[in-house]
Amino acid sequence: MKKYQKRLFEILSLGGYFVLVYLCMQVFNMGEYDWMLEPGDSICSLPADPDDLRDITSPLFLFLLGTPLLIALIRDILFKDLFKVLLYGFGLAVVIAYWWWSFWGQYAACAA
């Protein structure tokens, strides 16, 4: 039973980390004109932000928010703990995917 409690704790910890990542990216990804979005509008209807710092802040956030999961993943690869390797690998993939969507993905359709 102790083994399952540890696994449940690891899964809940990763869920808490996802909440932290989501909140950080929502707060620090706000543009100058995001307050102008009305229900039904898309991000493409906003004027271009002249002080757009996404090219600076996005790599910084990936480094700050992805590093703890990468360290845990490497540690568990070395200790050969397959459950944690899969868990942290999945977590890192989710963080990278959400990072890409927050900083670049939702704006990709506007450029076309």
PDB file of N, CA and C in Angstrom:
ATOM      1  N   MET A   1       0.820  -1.199   0.000  1.00  0.00           N
ATOM      2  CA  MET A   1       0.000   0.000   0.000  1.00  0.00           C
ATOM      3  C   MET A   1       0.862   1.259   0.000  1.00  0.00           C
ATOM      4  N   LYS A   2       2.018   1.183   0.605  1.00  0.00           N
ATOM      5  CA  LYS A   2       2.901   2.337   0.693  1.00  0.00           C
ATOM      6  C   LYS A   2       3.362   2.789  -0.701  1.00  0.00           C
ATOM      7  N   LYS A   3       3.587   1.819  -1.598  1.00  0.00           N
ATOM      8  CA  LYS A   3       4.038   2.127  -2.949  1.00  0.00           C
ATOM      9  C   LYS A   3       2.989   2.950  -3.698  1.00  0.00           C
ATOM     10  N   TYR A   4       1.725   2.597  -3.535  1.00  0.00           N
ATOM     11  CA  TYR A   4       0.657   3.318  -4.217  1.00  0.00           C
ATOM     12  C   TYR A   4       0.470   4.717  -3.639  1.00  0.00           C
ATOM     13  N   GLN A   5       0.703   4.869  -2.355  1.00  0.00           N
ATOM     14  CA  GLN A   5       0.617   6.195  -1.748  1.00  0.00           C
ATOM     15  C   GLN A   5       1.709   7.109  -2.291  1.00  0.00           C
ATOM     16  N   LYS A   6       2.907   6.571  -2.481  1.00  0.00           N
ATOM     17  CA  LYS A   6       3.993   7.369  -3.047  1.00  0.00           C
ATOM     18  C   LYS A   6       3.673   7.776  -4.480  1.00  0.00           C
ATOM     19  N   ARG A   7       3.129   6.847  -5.244  1.00  0.00           N
ATOM     20  CA  ARG A   7       2.782   7.167  -6.631  1.00  0.00           C
ATOM     21  C   ARG A   7       1.669   8.205  -6.700  1.00  0.00           C
ATOM     22  N   LEU A   8       0.685   8.068  -5.833  1.00  0.00           N
ATOM     23  CA  LEU A   8      -0.395   9.049  -5.789  1.00  0.00           C
ATOM     24  C   LEU A   8       0.145  10.420  -5.408  1.00  0.00           C
ATOM     25  N   PHE A   9       1.061  10.454  -4.457  1.00  0.00           N
ATOM     26  CA  PHE A   9       1.673  11.718  -4.055  1.00  0.00           C
ATOM     27  C   PHE A   9       2.451  12.342  -5.214  1.00  0.00           C
ATOM     28  N   GLU A  10       3.173  11.541  -5.974  1.00  0.00           N
ATOM     29  CA  GLU A  10       3.914  12.049  -7.135  1.00  0.00           C
ATOM     30  C   GLU A  10       2.957  12.627  -8.181  1.00  0.00           C
ATOM     31  N   ILE A  11       1.860  11.937  -8.427  1.00  0.00           N
ATOM     32  CA  ILE A  11       0.886  12.407  -9.414  1.00  0.00           C
ATOM     33  C   ILE A  11       0.232  13.706  -8.946  1.00  0.00           C
ATOM     34  N   LEU A  12      -0.135  13.781  -7.671  1.00  0.00           N
ATOM     35  CA  LEU A  12      -0.736  15.006  -7.141  1.00  0.00           C
ATOM     36  C   LEU A  12       0.258  16.160  -7.137  1.00  0.00           C
ATOM     37  N   SER A  13       1.521  15.861  -6.863  1.00  0.00           N
ATOM     38  CA  SER A  13       2.552  16.900  -6.900  1.00  0.00           C
ATOM     39  C   SER A  13       2.707  17.460  -8.311  1.00  0.00           C
ATOM     40  N   LEU A  14       2.695  16.582  -9.293  1.00  0.00           N
ATOM     41  CA  LEU A  14       2.792  17.032 -10.680  1.00  0.00           C
ATOM     42  C   LEU A  14       1.556  17.850 -11.063  1.00  0.00           C
ATOM     43  N   GLY A  15       0.390  17.462 -10.573  1.00  0.00           N
ATOM     44  CA  GLY A  15      -0.819  18.250 -10.814  1.00  0.00           C
ATOM     45  C   GLY A  15      -0.712  19.639 -10.210  1.00  0.00           C
ATOM     46  N   GLY A  16      -0.181  19.732  -9.009  1.00  0.00           N
ATOM     47  CA  GLY A  16       0.047  21.038  -8.388  1.00  0.00           C
ATOM     48  C   GLY A  16       1.045  21.867  -9.174  1.00  0.00           C
ATOM     49  N   TYR A  17       2.064  21.211  -9.708  1.00  0.00           N
ATOM     50  CA  TYR A  17       3.046  21.918 -10.528  1.00  0.00           C
ATOM     51  C   TYR A  17       2.404  22.433 -11.813  1.00  0.00           C
ATOM     52  N   PHE A  18       1.494  21.654 -12.399  1.00  0.00           N
ATOM     53  CA  PHE A  18       0.778  22.115 -13.587  1.00  0.00           C
ATOM     54  C   PHE A  18      -0.035  23.371 -13.279  1.00  0.00           C
ATOM     55  N   VAL A  19      -0.668  23.414 -12.118  1.00  0.00           N
ATOM     56  CA  VAL A  19      -1.439  24.598 -11.726  1.00  0.00           C
ATOM     57  C   VAL A  19      -0.512  25.804 -11.596  1.00  0.00           C
ATOM     58  N   LEU A  20       0.646  25.621 -10.979  1.00  0.00           N
ATOM     59  CA  LEU A  20       1.620  26.702 -10.843  1.00  0.00           C
ATOM     60  C   LEU A  20       2.087  27.197 -12.211  1.00  0.00           C
ATOM     61  N   VAL A  21       2.398  26.286 -13.111  1.00  0.00           N
ATOM     62  CA  VAL A  21       2.844  26.656 -14.458  1.00  0.00           C
ATOM     63  C   VAL A  21       1.738  27.407 -15.191  1.00  0.00           C
ATOM     64  N   TYR A  22       0.513  26.916 -15.092  1.00  0.00           N
ATOM     65  CA  TYR A  22      -0.618  27.575 -15.754  1.00  0.00           C
ATOM     66  C   TYR A  22      -0.790  29.008 -15.247  1.00  0.00           C
ATOM     67  N   LEU A  23      -0.767  29.185 -13.936  1.00  0.00           N
ATOM     68  CA  LEU A  23      -0.943  30.524 -13.373  1.00  0.00           C
ATOM     69  C   LEU A  23       0.193  31.454 -13.769  1.00  0.00           C
ATOM     70  N   CYS A  24       1.418  30.964 -13.719  1.00  0.00           N
ATOM     71  CA  CYS A  24       2.562  31.802 -14.101  1.00  0.00           C
ATOM     72  C   CYS A  24       2.475  32.225 -15.560  1.00  0.00           C
ATOM     73  N   MET A  25       2.144  31.295 -16.424  1.00  0.00           N
ATOM     74  CA  MET A  25       2.080  31.641 -17.846  1.00  0.00           C
ATOM     75  C   MET A  25       0.892  32.543 -18.157  1.00  0.00           C
ATOM     76  N   GLN A  26      -0.195  32.400 -17.449  1.00  0.00           N
ATOM     77  CA  GLN A  26      -1.336  33.284 -17.673  1.00  0.00           C
ATOM     78  C   GLN A  26      -1.034  34.708 -17.223  1.00  0.00           C
ATOM     79  N   VAL A  27      -0.342  34.836 -16.109  1.00  0.00           N
ATOM     80  CA  VAL A  27      -0.031  36.170 -15.587  1.00  0.00           C
ATOM     81  C   VAL A  27       1.033  36.855 -16.435  1.00  0.00           C
ATOM     82  N   PHE A  28       2.091  36.151 -16.763  1.00  0.00           N
ATOM     83  CA  PHE A  28       3.215  36.786 -17.430  1.00  0.00           C
ATOM     84  C   PHE A  28       3.122  36.780 -18.945  1.00  0.00           C
ATOM     85  N   ASN A  29       2.083  36.223 -19.508  1.00  0.00           N
ATOM     86  CA  ASN A  29       1.899  36.232 -20.951  1.00  0.00           C
ATOM     87  C   ASN A  29       0.882  37.284 -21.377  1.00  0.00           C
ATOM     88  N   MET A  30       0.410  38.089 -20.461  1.00  0.00           N
ATOM     89  CA  MET A  30      -0.586  39.095 -20.807  1.00  0.00           C
ATOM     90  C   MET A  30       0.034  40.187 -21.667  1.00  0.00           C
ATOM     91  N   GLY A  31      -0.645  40.487 -22.747  1.00  0.00           N
ATOM     92  CA  GLY A  31      -0.210  41.573 -23.613  1.00  0.00           C
ATOM     93  C   GLY A  31      -0.840  42.879 -23.167  1.00  0.00           C
ATOM     94  N   GLU A  32      -0.391  43.948 -23.793  1.00  0.00           N
ATOM     95  CA  GLU A  32      -0.884  45.268 -23.425  1.00  0.00           C
ATOM     96  C   GLU A  32      -2.360  45.445 -23.769  1.00  0.00           C
ATOM     97  N   TYR A  33      -2.820  44.761 -24.806  1.00  0.00           N
ATOM     98  CA  TYR A  33      -4.188  44.955 -25.274  1.00  0.00           C
ATOM     99  C   TYR A  33      -5.112  43.780 -24.973  1.00  0.00           C
ATOM    100  N   ASP A  34      -4.690  42.847 -24.146  1.00  0.00           N
ATOM    101  CA  ASP A  34      -5.530  41.679 -23.856  1.00  0.00           C
ATOM    102  C   ASP A  34      -6.842  42.049 -23.168  1.00  0.00           C
ATOM    103  N   TRP A  35      -6.887  43.163 -22.503  1.00  0.00           N
ATOM    104  CA  TRP A  35      -8.113  43.583 -21.821  1.00  0.00           C
ATOM    105  C   TRP A  35      -9.205  43.958 -22.823  1.00  0.00           C
ATOM    106  N   MET A  36      -8.840  44.165 -24.078  1.00  0.00           N
ATOM    107  CA  MET A  36      -9.808  44.569 -25.093  1.00  0.00           C
ATOM    108  C   MET A  36     -10.594  43.398 -25.674  1.00  0.00           C
ATOM    109  N   LEU A  37     -10.239  42.174 -25.320  1.00  0.00           N
ATOM    110  CA  LEU A  37     -10.942  41.009 -25.871  1.00  0.00           C
ATOM    111  C   LEU A  37     -12.366  40.932 -25.335  1.00  0.00           C
ATOM    112  N   GLU A  38     -13.293  40.853 -26.232  1.00  0.00           N
ATOM    113  CA  GLU A  38     -14.699  40.666 -25.892  1.00  0.00           C
ATOM    114  C   GLU A  38     -15.037  39.190 -26.087  1.00  0.00           C
ATOM    115  N   PRO A  39     -16.108  38.711 -25.479  1.00  0.00           N
ATOM    116  CA  PRO A  39     -16.510  37.318 -25.737  1.00  0.00           C
ATOM    117  C   PRO A  39     -16.769  37.108 -27.230  1.00  0.00           C
ATOM    118  N   GLY A  40     -16.182  36.077 -27.783  1.00  0.00           N
ATOM    119  CA  GLY A  40     -16.326  35.786 -29.201  1.00  0.00           C
ATOM    120  C   GLY A  40     -15.198  36.332 -30.055  1.00  0.00           C
ATOM    121  N   ASP A  41     -14.386  37.241 -29.519  1.00  0.00           N
ATOM    122  CA  ASP A  41     -13.239  37.760 -30.263  1.00  0.00           C
ATOM    123  C   ASP A  41     -12.094  36.762 -30.224  1.00  0.00           C
ATOM    124  N   SER A  42     -11.207  36.894 -31.170  1.00  0.00           N
ATOM    125  CA  SER A  42     -10.002  36.064 -31.159  1.00  0.00           C
ATOM    126  C   SER A  42      -8.798  36.956 -30.868  1.00  0.00           C
ATOM    127  N   ILE A  43      -7.690  36.334 -30.627  1.00  0.00           N
ATOM    128  CA  ILE A  43      -6.462  37.063 -30.330  1.00  0.00           C
ATOM    129  C   ILE A  43      -6.002  37.858 -31.553  1.00  0.00           C
ATOM    130  N   CYS A  44      -6.467  37.444 -32.731  1.00  0.00           N
ATOM    131  CA  CYS A  44      -6.076  38.119 -33.968  1.00  0.00           C
ATOM    132  C   CYS A  44      -6.750  39.480 -34.123  1.00  0.00           C
ATOM    133  N   SER A  45      -7.828  39.732 -33.396  1.00  0.00           N
ATOM    134  CA  SER A  45      -8.533  41.004 -33.526  1.00  0.00           C
ATOM    135  C   SER A  45      -7.891  42.116 -32.704  1.00  0.00           C
ATOM    136  N   LEU A  46      -6.883  41.794 -31.918  1.00  0.00           N
ATOM    137  CA  LEU A  46      -6.195  42.806 -31.117  1.00  0.00           C
ATOM    138  C   LEU A  46      -5.159  43.538 -31.953  1.00  0.00           C
ATOM    139  N   PRO A  47      -4.912  44.822 -31.659  1.00  0.00           N
ATOM    140  CA  PRO A  47      -3.834  45.518 -32.369  1.00  0.00           C
ATOM    141  C   PRO A  47      -2.477  44.930 -31.989  1.00  0.00           C
ATOM    142  N   ALA A  48      -1.504  45.108 -32.868  1.00  0.00           N
ATOM    143  CA  ALA A  48      -0.155  44.594 -32.598  1.00  0.00           C
ATOM    144  C   ALA A  48       0.450  45.347 -31.415  1.00  0.00           C
ATOM    145  N   ASP A  49       1.095  44.623 -30.537  1.00  0.00           N
ATOM    146  CA  ASP A  49       1.716  45.212 -29.352  1.00  0.00           C
ATOM    147  C   ASP A  49       3.115  45.695 -29.721  1.00  0.00           C
ATOM    148  N   PRO A  50       3.365  47.011 -29.658  1.00  0.00           N
ATOM    149  CA  PRO A  50       4.691  47.506 -30.049  1.00  0.00           C
ATOM    150  C   PRO A  50       5.798  47.108 -29.068  1.00  0.00           C
ATOM    151  N   ASP A  51       5.446  46.845 -27.827  1.00  0.00           N
ATOM    152  CA  ASP A  51       6.438  46.470 -26.813  1.00  0.00           C
ATOM    153  C   ASP A  51       6.395  44.979 -26.532  1.00  0.00           C
ATOM    154  N   ASP A  52       6.246  44.191 -27.567  1.00  0.00           N
ATOM    155  CA  ASP A  52       6.141  42.748 -27.402  1.00  0.00           C
ATOM    156  C   ASP A  52       7.494  42.169 -27.000  1.00  0.00           C
ATOM    157  N   LEU A  53       7.529  41.539 -25.832  1.00  0.00           N
ATOM    158  CA  LEU A  53       8.773  40.969 -25.314  1.00  0.00           C
ATOM    159  C   LEU A  53       8.733  39.451 -25.275  1.00  0.00           C
ATOM    160  N   ARG A  54       7.868  38.840 -26.076  1.00  0.00           N
ATOM    161  CA  ARG A  54       7.759  37.382 -26.050  1.00  0.00           C
ATOM    162  C   ARG A  54       9.057  36.695 -26.434  1.00  0.00           C
ATOM    163  N   ASP A  55       9.831  37.308 -27.311  1.00  0.00           N
ATOM    164  CA  ASP A  55      11.078  36.668 -27.721  1.00  0.00           C
ATOM    165  C   ASP A  55      12.097  36.624 -26.588  1.00  0.00           C
ATOM    166  N   ILE A  56      11.924  37.447 -25.574  1.00  0.00           N
ATOM    167  CA  ILE A  56      12.807  37.432 -24.402  1.00  0.00           C
ATOM    168  C   ILE A  56      12.196  36.609 -23.276  1.00  0.00           C
ATOM    169  N   THR A  57      10.919  36.812 -23.011  1.00  0.00           N
ATOM    170  CA  THR A  57      10.302  36.152 -21.858  1.00  0.00           C
ATOM    171  C   THR A  57      10.002  34.679 -22.086  1.00  0.00           C
ATOM    172  N   SER A  58       9.717  34.284 -23.320  1.00  0.00           N
ATOM    173  CA  SER A  58       9.345  32.883 -23.523  1.00  0.00           C
ATOM    174  C   SER A  58      10.485  31.908 -23.257  1.00  0.00           C
ATOM    175  N   PRO A  59      11.719  32.139 -23.740  1.00  0.00           N
ATOM    176  CA  PRO A  59      12.790  31.197 -23.366  1.00  0.00           C
ATOM    177  C   PRO A  59      13.090  31.216 -21.873  1.00  0.00           C
ATOM    178  N   LEU A  60      12.956  32.374 -21.258  1.00  0.00           N
ATOM    179  CA  LEU A  60      13.188  32.476 -19.818  1.00  0.00           C
ATOM    180  C   LEU A  60      12.177  31.634 -19.044  1.00  0.00           C
ATOM    181  N   PHE A  61      10.916  31.690 -19.438  1.00  0.00           N
ATOM    182  CA  PHE A  61       9.903  30.898 -18.747  1.00  0.00           C
ATOM    183  C   PHE A  61      10.074  29.410 -18.995  1.00  0.00           C
ATOM    184  N   LEU A  62      10.467  29.033 -20.196  1.00  0.00           N
ATOM    185  CA  LEU A  62      10.711  27.612 -20.443  1.00  0.00           C
ATOM    186  C   LEU A  62      11.860  27.122 -19.576  1.00  0.00           C
ATOM    187  N   PHE A  63      12.898  27.924 -19.446  1.00  0.00           N
ATOM    188  CA  PHE A  63      14.028  27.542 -18.601  1.00  0.00           C
ATOM    189  C   PHE A  63      13.610  27.448 -17.136  1.00  0.00           C
ATOM    190  N   LEU A  64      12.904  28.464 -16.638  1.00  0.00           N
ATOM    191  CA  LEU A  64      12.537  28.487 -15.218  1.00  0.00           C
ATOM    192  C   LEU A  64      11.495  27.434 -14.853  1.00  0.00           C
ATOM    193  N   LEU A  65      10.537  27.200 -15.723  1.00  0.00           N
ATOM    194  CA  LEU A  65       9.461  26.273 -15.393  1.00  0.00           C
ATOM    195  C   LEU A  65       9.727  24.842 -15.852  1.00  0.00           C
ATOM    196  N   GLY A  66      10.618  24.658 -16.799  1.00  0.00           N
ATOM    197  CA  GLY A  66      10.920  23.315 -17.270  1.00  0.00           C
ATOM    198  C   GLY A  66      12.103  22.660 -16.587  1.00  0.00           C
ATOM    199  N   THR A  67      13.000  23.466 -16.016  1.00  0.00           N
ATOM    200  CA  THR A  67      14.208  22.922 -15.397  1.00  0.00           C
ATOM    201  C   THR A  67      13.930  21.964 -14.242  1.00  0.00           C
ATOM    202  N   PRO A  68      13.022  22.271 -13.310  1.00  0.00           N
ATOM    203  CA  PRO A  68      12.782  21.305 -12.223  1.00  0.00           C
ATOM    204  C   PRO A  68      12.318  19.937 -12.728  1.00  0.00           C
ATOM    205  N   LEU A  69      11.470  19.924 -13.732  1.00  0.00           N
ATOM    206  CA  LEU A  69      11.021  18.643 -14.283  1.00  0.00           C
ATOM    207  C   LEU A  69      12.144  17.935 -15.030  1.00  0.00           C
ATOM    208  N   LEU A  70      12.983  18.693 -15.712  1.00  0.00           N
ATOM    209  CA  LEU A  70      14.105  18.086 -16.423  1.00  0.00           C
ATOM    210  C   LEU A  70      15.104  17.468 -15.445  1.00  0.00           C
ATOM    211  N   ILE A  71      15.387  18.158 -14.352  1.00  0.00           N
ATOM    212  CA  ILE A  71      16.295  17.621 -13.334  1.00  0.00           C
ATOM    213  C   ILE A  71      15.712  16.352 -12.723  1.00  0.00           C
ATOM    214  N   ALA A  72      14.423  16.385 -12.397  1.00  0.00           N
ATOM    215  CA  ALA A  72      13.780  15.191 -11.829  1.00  0.00           C
ATOM    216  C   ALA A  72      13.779  14.046 -12.834  1.00  0.00           C
ATOM    217  N   LEU A  73      13.576  14.357 -14.100  1.00  0.00           N
ATOM    218  CA  LEU A  73      13.575  13.326 -15.137  1.00  0.00           C
ATOM    219  C   LEU A  73      14.954  12.684 -15.269  1.00  0.00           C
ATOM    220  N   ILE A  74      15.995  13.485 -15.307  1.00  0.00           N
ATOM    221  CA  ILE A  74      17.356  12.945 -15.419  1.00  0.00           C
ATOM    222  C   ILE A  74      17.710  12.125 -14.188  1.00  0.00           C
ATOM    223  N   ARG A  75      17.330  12.621 -13.008  1.00  0.00           N
ATOM    224  CA  ARG A  75      17.599  11.876 -11.771  1.00  0.00           C
ATOM    225  C   ARG A  75      16.936  10.503 -11.806  1.00  0.00           C
ATOM    226  N   ASP A  76      15.706  10.460 -12.236  1.00  0.00           N
ATOM    227  CA  ASP A  76      14.990   9.186 -12.236  1.00  0.00           C
ATOM    228  C   ASP A  76      15.431   8.266 -13.369  1.00  0.00           C
ATOM    229  N   ILE A  77      15.972   8.826 -14.436  1.00  0.00           N
ATOM    230  CA  ILE A  77      16.580   7.979 -15.467  1.00  0.00           C
ATOM    231  C   ILE A  77      17.814   7.298 -14.892  1.00  0.00           C
ATOM    232  N   LEU A  78      18.622   8.058 -14.155  1.00  0.00           N
ATOM    233  CA  LEU A  78      19.830   7.479 -13.556  1.00  0.00           C
ATOM    234  C   LEU A  78      19.492   6.437 -12.493  1.00  0.00           C
ATOM    235  N   PHE A  79      18.410   6.660 -11.733  1.00  0.00           N
ATOM    236  CA  PHE A  79      17.996   5.704 -10.696  1.00  0.00           C
ATOM    237  C   PHE A  79      17.114   4.588 -11.255  1.00  0.00           C
ATOM    238  N   LYS A  80      16.801   4.657 -12.537  1.00  0.00           N
ATOM    239  CA  LYS A  80      16.013   3.632 -13.239  1.00  0.00           C
ATOM    240  C   LYS A  80      14.637   3.404 -12.611  1.00  0.00           C
ATOM    241  N   ASP A  81      13.966   4.496 -12.296  1.00  0.00           N
ATOM    242  CA  ASP A  81      12.603   4.431 -11.768  1.00  0.00           C
ATOM    243  C   ASP A  81      11.646   4.723 -12.933  1.00  0.00           C
ATOM    244  N   LEU A  82      11.150   3.687 -13.563  1.00  0.00           N
ATOM    245  CA  LEU A  82      10.375   3.816 -14.793  1.00  0.00           C
ATOM    246  C   LEU A  82       9.096   4.633 -14.603  1.00  0.00           C
ATOM    247  N   PHE A  83       8.387   4.442 -13.490  1.00  0.00           N
ATOM    248  CA  PHE A  83       7.149   5.185 -13.261  1.00  0.00           C
ATOM    249  C   PHE A  83       7.416   6.690 -13.233  1.00  0.00           C
ATOM    250  N   LYS A  84       8.438   7.099 -12.497  1.00  0.00           N
ATOM    251  CA  LYS A  84       8.741   8.527 -12.408  1.00  0.00           C
ATOM    252  C   LYS A  84       9.291   9.074 -13.722  1.00  0.00           C
ATOM    253  N   VAL A  85      10.042   8.263 -14.452  1.00  0.00           N
ATOM    254  CA  VAL A  85      10.536   8.703 -15.760  1.00  0.00           C
ATOM    255  C   VAL A  85       9.356   8.998 -16.680  1.00  0.00           C
ATOM    256  N   LEU A  86       8.390   8.099 -16.717  1.00  0.00           N
ATOM    257  CA  LEU A  86       7.202   8.323 -17.548  1.00  0.00           C
ATOM    258  C   LEU A  86       6.396   9.519 -17.054  1.00  0.00           C
ATOM    259  N   LEU A  87       6.250   9.639 -15.744  1.00  0.00           N
ATOM    260  CA  LEU A  87       5.473  10.735 -15.169  1.00  0.00           C
ATOM    261  C   LEU A  87       6.119  12.085 -15.465  1.00  0.00           C
ATOM    262  N   TYR A  88       7.409  12.218 -15.190  1.00  0.00           N
ATOM    263  CA  TYR A  88       8.082  13.495 -15.411  1.00  0.00           C
ATOM    264  C   TYR A  88       8.312  13.769 -16.894  1.00  0.00           C
ATOM    265  N   GLY A  89       8.481  12.732 -17.695  1.00  0.00           N
ATOM    266  CA  GLY A  89       8.564  12.929 -19.142  1.00  0.00           C
ATOM    267  C   GLY A  89       7.257  13.470 -19.696  1.00  0.00           C
ATOM    268  N   PHE A  90       6.140  12.895 -19.232  1.00  0.00           N
ATOM    269  CA  PHE A  90       4.824  13.404 -19.619  1.00  0.00           C
ATOM    270  C   PHE A  90       4.643  14.840 -19.133  1.00  0.00           C
ATOM    271  N   GLY A  91       5.037  15.105 -17.901  1.00  0.00           N
ATOM    272  CA  GLY A  91       4.912  16.454 -17.347  1.00  0.00           C
ATOM    273  C   GLY A  91       5.715  17.471 -18.128  1.00  0.00           C
ATOM    274  N   LEU A  92       6.937  17.119 -18.488  1.00  0.00           N
ATOM    275  CA  LEU A  92       7.776  18.030 -19.264  1.00  0.00           C
ATOM    276  C   LEU A  92       7.183  18.269 -20.649  1.00  0.00           C
ATOM    277  N   ALA A  93       6.637  17.235 -21.263  1.00  0.00           N
ATOM    278  CA  ALA A  93       5.999  17.395 -22.575  1.00  0.00           C
ATOM    279  C   ALA A  93       4.782  18.318 -22.486  1.00  0.00           C
ATOM    280  N   VAL A  94       3.991  18.188 -21.429  1.00  0.00           N
ATOM    281  CA  VAL A  94       2.817  19.053 -21.250  1.00  0.00           C
ATOM    282  C   VAL A  94       3.242  20.498 -21.024  1.00  0.00           C
ATOM    283  N   VAL A  95       4.262  20.713 -20.202  1.00  0.00           N
ATOM    284  CA  VAL A  95       4.746  22.074 -19.941  1.00  0.00           C
ATOM    285  C   VAL A  95       5.276  22.707 -21.223  1.00  0.00           C
ATOM    286  N   ILE A  96       6.046  21.961 -22.006  1.00  0.00           N
ATOM    287  CA  ILE A  96       6.571  22.503 -23.265  1.00  0.00           C
ATOM    288  C   ILE A  96       5.439  22.797 -24.245  1.00  0.00           C
ATOM    289  N   ALA A  97       4.458  21.914 -24.342  1.00  0.00           N
ATOM    290  CA  ALA A  97       3.330  22.140 -25.255  1.00  0.00           C
ATOM    291  C   ALA A  97       2.522  23.365 -24.832  1.00  0.00           C
ATOM    292  N   TYR A  98       2.256  23.514 -23.541  1.00  0.00           N
ATOM    293  CA  TYR A  98       1.488  24.681 -23.092  1.00  0.00           C
ATOM    294  C   TYR A  98       2.306  25.954 -23.234  1.00  0.00           C
ATOM    295  N   TRP A  99       3.623  25.851 -23.001  1.00  0.00           N
ATOM    296  CA  TRP A  99       4.504  27.006 -23.194  1.00  0.00           C
ATOM    297  C   TRP A  99       4.440  27.459 -24.648  1.00  0.00           C
ATOM    298  N   TRP A 100       4.552  26.511 -25.578  1.00  0.00           N
ATOM    299  CA  TRP A 100       4.505  26.869 -26.992  1.00  0.00           C
ATOM    300  C   TRP A 100       3.161  27.508 -27.342  1.00  0.00           C
ATOM    301  N   TRP A 101       2.076  26.924 -26.836  1.00  0.00           N
ATOM    302  CA  TRP A 101       0.751  27.466 -27.136  1.00  0.00           C
ATOM    303  C   TRP A 101       0.590  28.867 -26.557  1.00  0.00           C
ATOM    304  N   SER A 102       1.041  29.102 -25.338  1.00  0.00           N
ATOM    305  CA  SER A 102       0.863  30.395 -24.685  1.00  0.00           C
ATOM    306  C   SER A 102       1.644  31.504 -25.375  1.00  0.00           C
ATOM    307  N   PHE A 103       2.864  31.223 -25.761  1.00  0.00           N
ATOM    308  CA  PHE A 103       3.711  32.281 -26.289  1.00  0.00           C
ATOM    309  C   PHE A 103       3.723  32.362 -27.812  1.00  0.00           C
ATOM    310  N   TRP A 104       3.482  31.266 -28.524  1.00  0.00           N
ATOM    311  CA  TRP A 104       3.618  31.289 -29.975  1.00  0.00           C
ATOM    312  C   TRP A 104       2.431  30.687 -30.714  1.00  0.00           C
ATOM    313  N   GLY A 105       1.883  29.601 -30.240  1.00  0.00           N
ATOM    314  CA  GLY A 105       0.878  28.853 -30.978  1.00  0.00           C
ATOM    315  C   GLY A 105      -0.384  29.623 -31.285  1.00  0.00           C
ATOM    316  N   GLN A 106      -0.903  30.345 -30.314  1.00  0.00           N
ATOM    317  CA  GLN A 106      -2.160  31.050 -30.548  1.00  0.00           C
ATOM    318  C   GLN A 106      -1.986  32.249 -31.479  1.00  0.00           C
ATOM    319  N   TYR A 107      -0.751  32.698 -31.669  1.00  0.00           N
ATOM    320  CA  TYR A 107      -0.489  33.815 -32.575  1.00  0.00           C
ATOM    321  C   TYR A 107      -0.095  33.356 -33.976  1.00  0.00           C
ATOM    322  N   ALA A 108       0.144  32.055 -34.152  1.00  0.00           N
ATOM    323  CA  ALA A 108       0.615  31.544 -35.442  1.00  0.00           C
ATOM    324  C   ALA A 108      -0.425  31.745 -36.544  1.00  0.00           C
ATOM    325  N   ALA A 109      -1.694  31.599 -36.238  1.00  0.00           N
ATOM    326  CA  ALA A 109      -2.740  31.752 -37.251  1.00  0.00           C
ATOM    327  C   ALA A 109      -2.909  33.213 -37.666  1.00  0.00           C
ATOM    328  N   CYS A 110      -2.542  34.138 -36.804  1.00  0.00           N
ATOM    329  CA  CYS A 110      -2.705  35.560 -37.117  1.00  0.00           C
ATOM    330  C   CYS A 110      -1.693  36.034 -38.150  1.00  0.00           C
ATOM    331  N   ALA A 111      -0.547  35.410 -38.203  1.00  0.00           N
ATOM    332  CA  ALA A 111       0.507  35.850 -39.117  1.00  0.00           C
ATOM    333  C   ALA A 111       0.176  35.513 -40.566  1.00  0.00           C
ATOM    334  N   ALA A 112      -0.652  34.517 -40.762  1.00  0.00           N
ATOM    335  CA  ALA A 112      -0.958  34.087 -42.137  1.00  0.00           C
ATOM    336  C   ALA A 112      -1.903  35.021 -42.839  1.00  0.00           C
TER     337      ALA A 112
END
